[in-house]
Amino acid sequence: MTTLIRRLRPVLTTGQQKAMGALIRRGRIPRLGFQHYFIEDEGLRSRIHLQNFWSTFFPDVATTVNGRIQVFSSSGRALGDRAFTLAPFGSLFLEMHDVLAELGAAECEGSLTIDLEPPQAVIDQVAAFPLDEPWSLRFQTPFWMAYYDDAENYMYVHSIDRFSGAFYGVPAPVDWFLRRKYGRTGEPWRAGRLLDLDGISELQLVVVNHGTQAHKTTLGLYAPTDEAIWQKGIEVAPGALKRVHIELDAVRVDGADRSEPLLARLGADPLLTANGKPYVLMRYGDGPLSLHHG
C-alpha cells in the first residue's frame, strides 16, 4: 500500500504543515499521477496497463472509480484528456495509438499521466489514520506501460517518477502552492547494470523532466572505474522529454585493453527529478529494439 500512499518531504514550514494537516483531515488529500513515456515510432508501439488498485487494497469498498489520462507532447504541451471508469477489481488496457487518434494528435512520442480517483470511503478511512504528520499524506496512481513491435516482442516498464505539474484532489490554490514546493532535481545517478558495448549496435536514452522547472543534466557512459567515456549535456523544459542517440563509434576509451570487453554503465548528473531515471532503447547486433528503464 505504500506504493499508493506516500508522505510529502518535510519542506513545509510549521504553519504550512498545520494548514495542510487540517485540509487532509477534511478529506482533501493531494493526489499525484506518475508520468510515463510513450512511443509510436521506430517500429515500437505503446500500451497502457492499469488495475483498479483501490479495490485490491480496500476490498470492502466495492465501488466503480473514475480516472483521467492526460497526454503531453515531447515538448510538454498538453494534447488533451481522456476520461474512463474502472469497475471493482477491473483493469484497463489501452493502445496509445487509439488514445492519440481520439485526441486528434499526430505525435509519435510524448508522455502521459493518469489520476485514478479513490472512492470517498477510501478517502474517509485514510484521512482518519492516526498519524503524527497528517500533512505529509498524498495519493498516487502507479501503472505500467507495455512496449512492443510487430514481431510481438514485449517489454514492460513500471512507474518511474511522479508528474509534479499537477496535484489533484485539492483546491486550486493548494495545487498551485504544492507544484512550486516539489519536483526538485535529484542526485547524481549511475545504473547498476554494466553494458557490453561491443555487442550493442544502437543505444538511445529518453530523459523525462517530471518537474515544474527547466533542468539541466549531463548524460554519460562510464567505465567500471567511473571514468566518463561519453558525455552530453542537455536541458529539458518542464514536463518535456528528450531522446538522445549515443554515437557508439564516438565513444572514447583512452589506453583501454581492447582484448577485454568494453563495459560501461549509464549515468546522469543529476537526475532531473528525485527518481527521474532515463528510459533506455537498445539493440544488440541486428536483433529487435528493446526498451527498459535505467
Protein backbone atom coordinates (compact mmCIF):
# COMPACT_ATOMS: atom_id res chain seq x y z
CA MET A 1 0.00 0.00 0.00
CA THR A 2 2.98 2.32 0.41
CA THR A 3 3.06 2.50 -3.40
CA LEU A 4 -0.31 4.25 -3.26
CA ILE A 5 0.10 6.35 -0.11
CA ARG A 6 3.28 8.37 0.30
CA ARG A 7 4.49 11.16 2.51
CA LEU A 8 5.47 14.56 1.22
CA ARG A 9 9.02 15.51 2.05
CA PRO A 10 9.25 17.92 5.02
CA VAL A 11 9.84 21.12 3.02
CA LEU A 12 6.84 22.93 4.51
CA THR A 13 7.03 25.40 7.35
CA THR A 14 5.28 24.62 10.62
CA GLY A 15 2.35 26.85 9.69
CA GLN A 16 2.06 25.27 6.25
CA GLN A 17 2.14 21.80 7.83
CA LYS A 18 -0.73 22.71 10.16
CA ALA A 19 -2.79 24.09 7.27
CA MET A 20 -2.14 21.01 5.10
CA GLY A 21 -2.93 18.71 8.05
CA ALA A 22 -6.29 20.40 8.58
CA LEU A 23 -7.06 20.14 4.84
CA ILE A 24 -6.21 16.43 4.76
CA ARG A 25 -8.27 15.70 7.85
CA ARG A 26 -11.23 17.08 5.88
CA GLY A 27 -10.54 14.50 3.18
CA ARG A 28 -8.69 16.77 0.72
CA ILE A 29 -5.68 14.51 0.25
CA PRO A 30 -3.32 15.56 -2.59
CA ARG A 31 -3.02 13.11 -5.49
CA LEU A 32 -0.11 12.76 -7.90
CA GLY A 33 -0.01 10.86 -11.18
CA PHE A 34 3.06 9.03 -12.43
CA GLN A 35 4.33 10.28 -15.78
CA HIS A 36 5.21 7.66 -18.38
CA TYR A 37 6.88 7.80 -21.79
CA PHE A 38 5.07 6.63 -24.93
CA ILE A 39 6.48 5.95 -28.37
CA GLU A 40 4.74 5.17 -31.65
CA ASP A 41 7.90 5.20 -33.77
CA GLU A 42 10.91 3.12 -34.83
CA GLY A 43 8.72 0.01 -35.06
CA LEU A 44 7.58 0.28 -31.43
CA ARG A 45 4.09 0.81 -30.03
CA SER A 46 2.87 1.57 -26.52
CA ARG A 47 0.03 0.23 -24.40
CA ILE A 48 -1.31 1.40 -21.02
CA HIS A 49 -1.82 -1.20 -18.27
CA LEU A 50 -3.74 -0.13 -15.16
CA GLN A 51 -5.63 -2.02 -12.45
CA ASN A 52 -8.24 -0.74 -10.01
CA PHE A 53 -5.83 -0.98 -7.11
CA TRP A 54 -8.25 0.81 -4.77
CA SER A 55 -10.46 -2.28 -4.68
CA THR A 56 -7.40 -4.50 -4.26
CA PHE A 57 -6.18 -2.70 -1.15
CA PHE A 58 -9.65 -1.78 0.13
CA PRO A 59 -11.72 -4.83 -0.87
CA ASP A 60 -14.55 -3.76 1.44
CA VAL A 61 -15.10 -0.74 -0.83
CA ALA A 62 -16.61 -2.29 -3.98
CA THR A 63 -17.09 0.92 -5.94
CA THR A 64 -16.58 1.89 -9.57
CA VAL A 65 -13.91 4.58 -9.79
CA ASN A 66 -13.26 7.42 -12.21
CA GLY A 67 -9.96 8.10 -13.92
CA ARG A 68 -8.40 10.56 -16.30
CA ILE A 69 -5.48 10.25 -18.69
CA GLN A 70 -3.58 13.41 -19.63
CA VAL A 71 -1.35 13.25 -22.71
CA PHE A 72 1.59 15.55 -23.47
CA SER A 73 3.82 16.10 -26.48
CA SER A 74 7.58 15.65 -26.25
CA SER A 75 7.85 19.41 -25.65
CA GLY A 76 5.48 19.18 -22.65
CA ARG A 77 2.47 20.69 -24.45
CA ALA A 78 -0.87 19.31 -23.29
CA LEU A 79 -2.54 17.28 -26.06
CA GLY A 80 -5.79 16.53 -24.25
CA ASP A 81 -7.57 14.35 -21.68
CA ARG A 82 -9.43 11.07 -21.81
CA ALA A 83 -11.85 10.08 -19.03
CA PHE A 84 -12.63 6.45 -18.12
CA THR A 85 -14.15 4.33 -15.37
CA LEU A 86 -12.99 1.08 -13.78
CA ALA A 87 -15.19 -1.49 -12.09
CA PRO A 88 -14.13 -3.00 -8.75
CA PHE A 89 -11.06 -5.19 -9.38
CA GLY A 90 -11.21 -4.12 -13.02
CA SER A 91 -8.34 -3.47 -15.45
CA LEU A 92 -7.63 -1.01 -18.23
CA PHE A 93 -5.65 -1.86 -21.37
CA LEU A 94 -5.43 0.99 -23.84
CA GLU A 95 -3.38 1.30 -27.02
CA MET A 96 -1.68 4.68 -27.20
CA HIS A 97 -2.35 4.97 -30.93
CA ASP A 98 -6.08 4.75 -30.14
CA VAL A 99 -5.81 7.40 -27.41
CA LEU A 100 -3.87 9.71 -29.74
CA ALA A 101 -6.44 9.20 -32.50
CA GLU A 102 -9.27 10.13 -30.12
CA LEU A 103 -7.42 13.32 -29.21
CA GLY A 104 -6.63 14.14 -32.84
CA ALA A 105 -2.91 14.13 -32.04
CA ALA A 106 -0.22 13.07 -34.51
CA GLU A 107 2.72 12.87 -32.06
CA CYS A 108 4.94 9.81 -32.36
CA GLU A 109 6.31 10.19 -28.83
CA GLY A 110 5.49 12.06 -25.66
CA SER A 111 4.26 11.31 -22.16
CA LEU A 112 1.09 10.66 -20.21
CA THR A 113 -0.07 10.72 -16.62
CA ILE A 114 -3.06 9.02 -15.00
CA ASP A 115 -5.14 10.05 -12.00
CA LEU A 116 -7.39 7.28 -10.63
CA GLU A 117 -9.71 8.85 -8.08
CA PRO A 118 -10.17 6.93 -4.82
CA PRO A 119 -13.71 6.20 -3.62
CA GLN A 120 -15.00 8.52 -0.91
CA ALA A 121 -14.99 5.64 1.58
CA VAL A 122 -11.27 5.14 0.99
CA ILE A 123 -10.59 8.85 1.46
CA ASP A 124 -12.53 8.80 4.74
CA GLN A 125 -10.57 5.80 6.03
CA VAL A 126 -7.17 7.23 5.12
CA ALA A 127 -7.97 10.71 6.44
CA ALA A 128 -8.78 9.10 9.78
CA PHE A 129 -5.44 7.29 10.08
CA PRO A 130 -3.79 8.18 13.45
CA LEU A 131 -0.66 9.84 12.01
CA ASP A 132 1.78 12.18 13.72
CA GLU A 133 2.25 14.03 10.42
CA PRO A 134 -1.12 14.06 8.61
CA TRP A 135 0.08 16.95 6.44
CA SER A 136 2.54 14.57 4.74
CA LEU A 137 -0.02 12.26 3.10
CA ARG A 138 -0.53 12.01 -0.64
CA PHE A 139 -2.09 9.50 -3.04
CA GLN A 140 -0.54 8.39 -6.31
CA THR A 141 -1.55 6.29 -9.31
CA PRO A 142 1.03 3.67 -10.35
CA PHE A 143 0.63 1.98 -13.73
CA TRP A 144 2.65 0.06 -16.30
CA MET A 145 3.47 0.70 -19.93
CA ALA A 146 3.97 -2.12 -22.40
CA TYR A 147 6.12 -1.53 -25.47
CA TYR A 148 6.03 -3.98 -28.36
CA ASP A 149 6.91 -4.41 -32.03
CA ASP A 150 5.31 -6.19 -34.99
CA ALA A 151 7.18 -9.40 -34.12
CA GLU A 152 5.41 -9.41 -30.73
CA ASN A 153 8.49 -8.68 -28.67
CA TYR A 154 7.02 -7.19 -25.49
CA MET A 155 8.75 -5.02 -22.90
CA TYR A 156 7.21 -3.67 -19.68
CA VAL A 157 8.21 -0.65 -17.61
CA HIS A 158 6.72 0.20 -14.23
CA SER A 159 6.09 3.74 -13.00
CA ILE A 160 9.35 5.62 -12.54
CA ASP A 161 8.61 9.10 -11.18
CA ARG A 162 5.63 11.31 -10.42
CA PHE A 163 4.37 14.20 -12.52
CA SER A 164 4.81 17.34 -10.42
CA GLY A 165 2.83 19.56 -12.79
CA ALA A 166 -0.49 18.94 -11.02
CA PHE A 167 -1.75 17.95 -7.56
CA TYR A 168 -5.27 16.57 -7.84
CA GLY A 169 -7.91 16.38 -5.11
CA VAL A 170 -7.10 19.75 -3.52
CA PRO A 171 -8.35 23.31 -4.10
CA ALA A 172 -6.69 25.17 -6.99
CA PRO A 173 -4.63 27.49 -4.69
CA VAL A 174 -3.22 24.46 -2.86
CA ASP A 175 -2.38 22.78 -6.18
CA TRP A 176 -0.56 25.97 -7.23
CA PHE A 177 1.32 26.09 -3.93
CA LEU A 178 2.37 22.42 -3.90
CA ARG A 179 3.57 22.49 -7.52
CA ARG A 180 6.09 25.15 -6.51
CA LYS A 181 7.28 23.22 -3.47
CA TYR A 182 8.08 19.91 -5.12
CA GLY A 183 9.69 18.49 -8.26
CA ARG A 184 13.27 19.42 -7.41
CA THR A 185 16.29 17.84 -9.07
CA GLY A 186 17.66 14.55 -7.76
CA GLU A 187 21.12 13.22 -7.03
CA PRO A 188 23.82 12.09 -9.47
CA TRP A 189 22.95 8.60 -10.71
CA ARG A 190 24.76 5.57 -12.11
CA ALA A 191 22.99 2.49 -13.37
CA GLY A 192 23.75 -0.75 -11.58
CA ARG A 193 23.91 -2.66 -14.87
CA LEU A 194 27.12 -2.93 -16.90
CA LEU A 195 26.58 -2.91 -20.67
CA ASP A 196 28.83 -4.78 -23.09
CA LEU A 197 29.19 -2.03 -25.69
CA ASP A 198 30.90 -4.33 -28.19
CA GLY A 199 27.64 -6.20 -28.65
CA ILE A 200 25.37 -3.17 -28.85
CA SER A 201 24.60 -1.68 -32.26
CA GLU A 202 22.17 1.04 -31.11
CA LEU A 203 21.76 2.91 -27.84
CA GLN A 204 19.35 5.73 -27.02
CA LEU A 205 18.31 7.49 -23.81
CA VAL A 206 14.93 9.13 -23.17
CA VAL A 207 15.03 11.71 -20.40
CA VAL A 208 11.73 12.99 -18.99
CA ASN A 209 11.52 16.12 -16.86
CA HIS A 210 8.77 15.26 -14.38
CA GLY A 211 9.26 18.58 -12.60
CA THR A 212 7.83 22.08 -12.83
CA GLN A 213 11.01 23.92 -13.88
CA ALA A 214 13.52 23.51 -16.69
CA HIS A 215 16.52 21.48 -15.54
CA LYS A 216 19.94 20.64 -16.95
CA THR A 217 21.78 17.36 -16.69
CA THR A 218 24.82 15.63 -18.13
CA LEU A 219 24.19 12.17 -19.56
CA GLY A 220 27.09 9.79 -19.76
CA LEU A 221 28.60 6.38 -20.30
CA TYR A 222 31.03 5.47 -17.55
CA ALA A 223 33.67 2.76 -17.41
CA PRO A 224 33.64 0.44 -14.36
CA THR A 225 36.14 2.83 -12.77
CA ASP A 226 33.55 5.64 -13.26
CA GLU A 227 35.70 7.30 -15.92
CA ALA A 228 33.50 9.13 -18.42
CA ILE A 229 33.87 7.63 -21.91
CA TRP A 230 30.95 9.62 -23.38
CA GLN A 231 29.02 12.62 -22.09
CA LYS A 232 26.38 15.02 -23.37
CA GLY A 233 24.78 17.97 -21.60
CA ILE A 234 21.09 18.67 -22.18
CA GLU A 235 18.37 20.96 -20.83
CA VAL A 236 14.76 19.77 -20.66
CA ALA A 237 11.71 22.01 -20.26
CA PRO A 238 9.06 21.30 -17.57
CA GLY A 239 7.01 18.20 -18.43
CA ALA A 240 9.04 17.68 -21.61
CA LEU A 241 11.36 14.91 -22.75
CA LYS A 242 14.41 14.46 -24.96
CA ARG A 243 15.57 11.35 -26.80
CA VAL A 244 19.35 11.22 -27.20
CA HIS A 245 21.15 8.90 -29.63
CA ILE A 246 24.57 7.80 -28.39
CA GLU A 247 27.01 7.55 -31.28
CA LEU A 248 28.86 4.43 -30.20
CA ASP A 249 31.62 4.96 -32.77
CA ALA A 250 32.50 8.19 -30.96
CA VAL A 251 32.85 6.58 -27.52
CA ARG A 252 36.34 7.36 -26.22
CA VAL A 253 38.37 4.86 -24.21
CA ASP A 254 41.92 6.08 -23.69
CA GLY A 255 44.50 3.34 -23.23
CA ALA A 256 41.93 0.56 -22.99
CA ASP A 257 42.99 -3.03 -23.44
CA ARG A 258 40.78 -3.97 -26.39
CA SER A 259 41.36 -7.66 -25.71
CA GLU A 260 38.85 -7.18 -22.89
CA PRO A 261 35.12 -6.43 -23.32
CA LEU A 262 34.22 -2.73 -23.42
CA LEU A 263 31.96 -2.42 -20.38
CA ALA A 264 30.20 0.74 -19.26
CA ARG A 265 27.23 1.90 -17.21
CA LEU A 266 24.80 4.71 -17.95
CA GLY A 267 24.60 7.77 -15.75
CA ALA A 268 23.08 11.21 -15.29
CA ASP A 269 24.40 14.09 -13.23
CA PRO A 270 21.97 14.90 -11.74
CA LEU A 271 18.63 13.18 -12.29
CA LEU A 272 16.14 15.85 -13.36
CA THR A 273 13.80 14.82 -10.52
CA ALA A 274 14.16 12.66 -7.42
CA ASN A 275 13.77 9.34 -9.26
CA GLY A 276 13.68 10.51 -12.89
CA LYS A 277 15.86 7.75 -14.34
CA PRO A 278 16.00 7.64 -18.13
CA TYR A 279 14.35 5.12 -20.40
CA VAL A 280 16.85 3.11 -22.44
CA LEU A 281 16.36 1.92 -26.03
CA MET A 282 18.99 -0.53 -27.19
CA ARG A 283 19.67 -3.10 -29.88
CA TYR A 284 22.15 -5.97 -29.81
CA GLY A 285 23.54 -6.69 -33.28
CA ASP A 286 20.68 -6.96 -35.77
CA GLY A 287 18.19 -8.06 -33.11
CA PRO A 288 15.00 -6.26 -32.04
CA LEU A 289 14.95 -2.85 -30.41
CA SER A 290 14.30 -3.20 -26.68
CA LEU A 291 13.11 -0.60 -24.19
CA HIS A 292 13.53 -0.55 -20.42
CA HIS A 293 14.30 1.96 -17.69
CA GLY A 294 17.73 2.69 -16.30
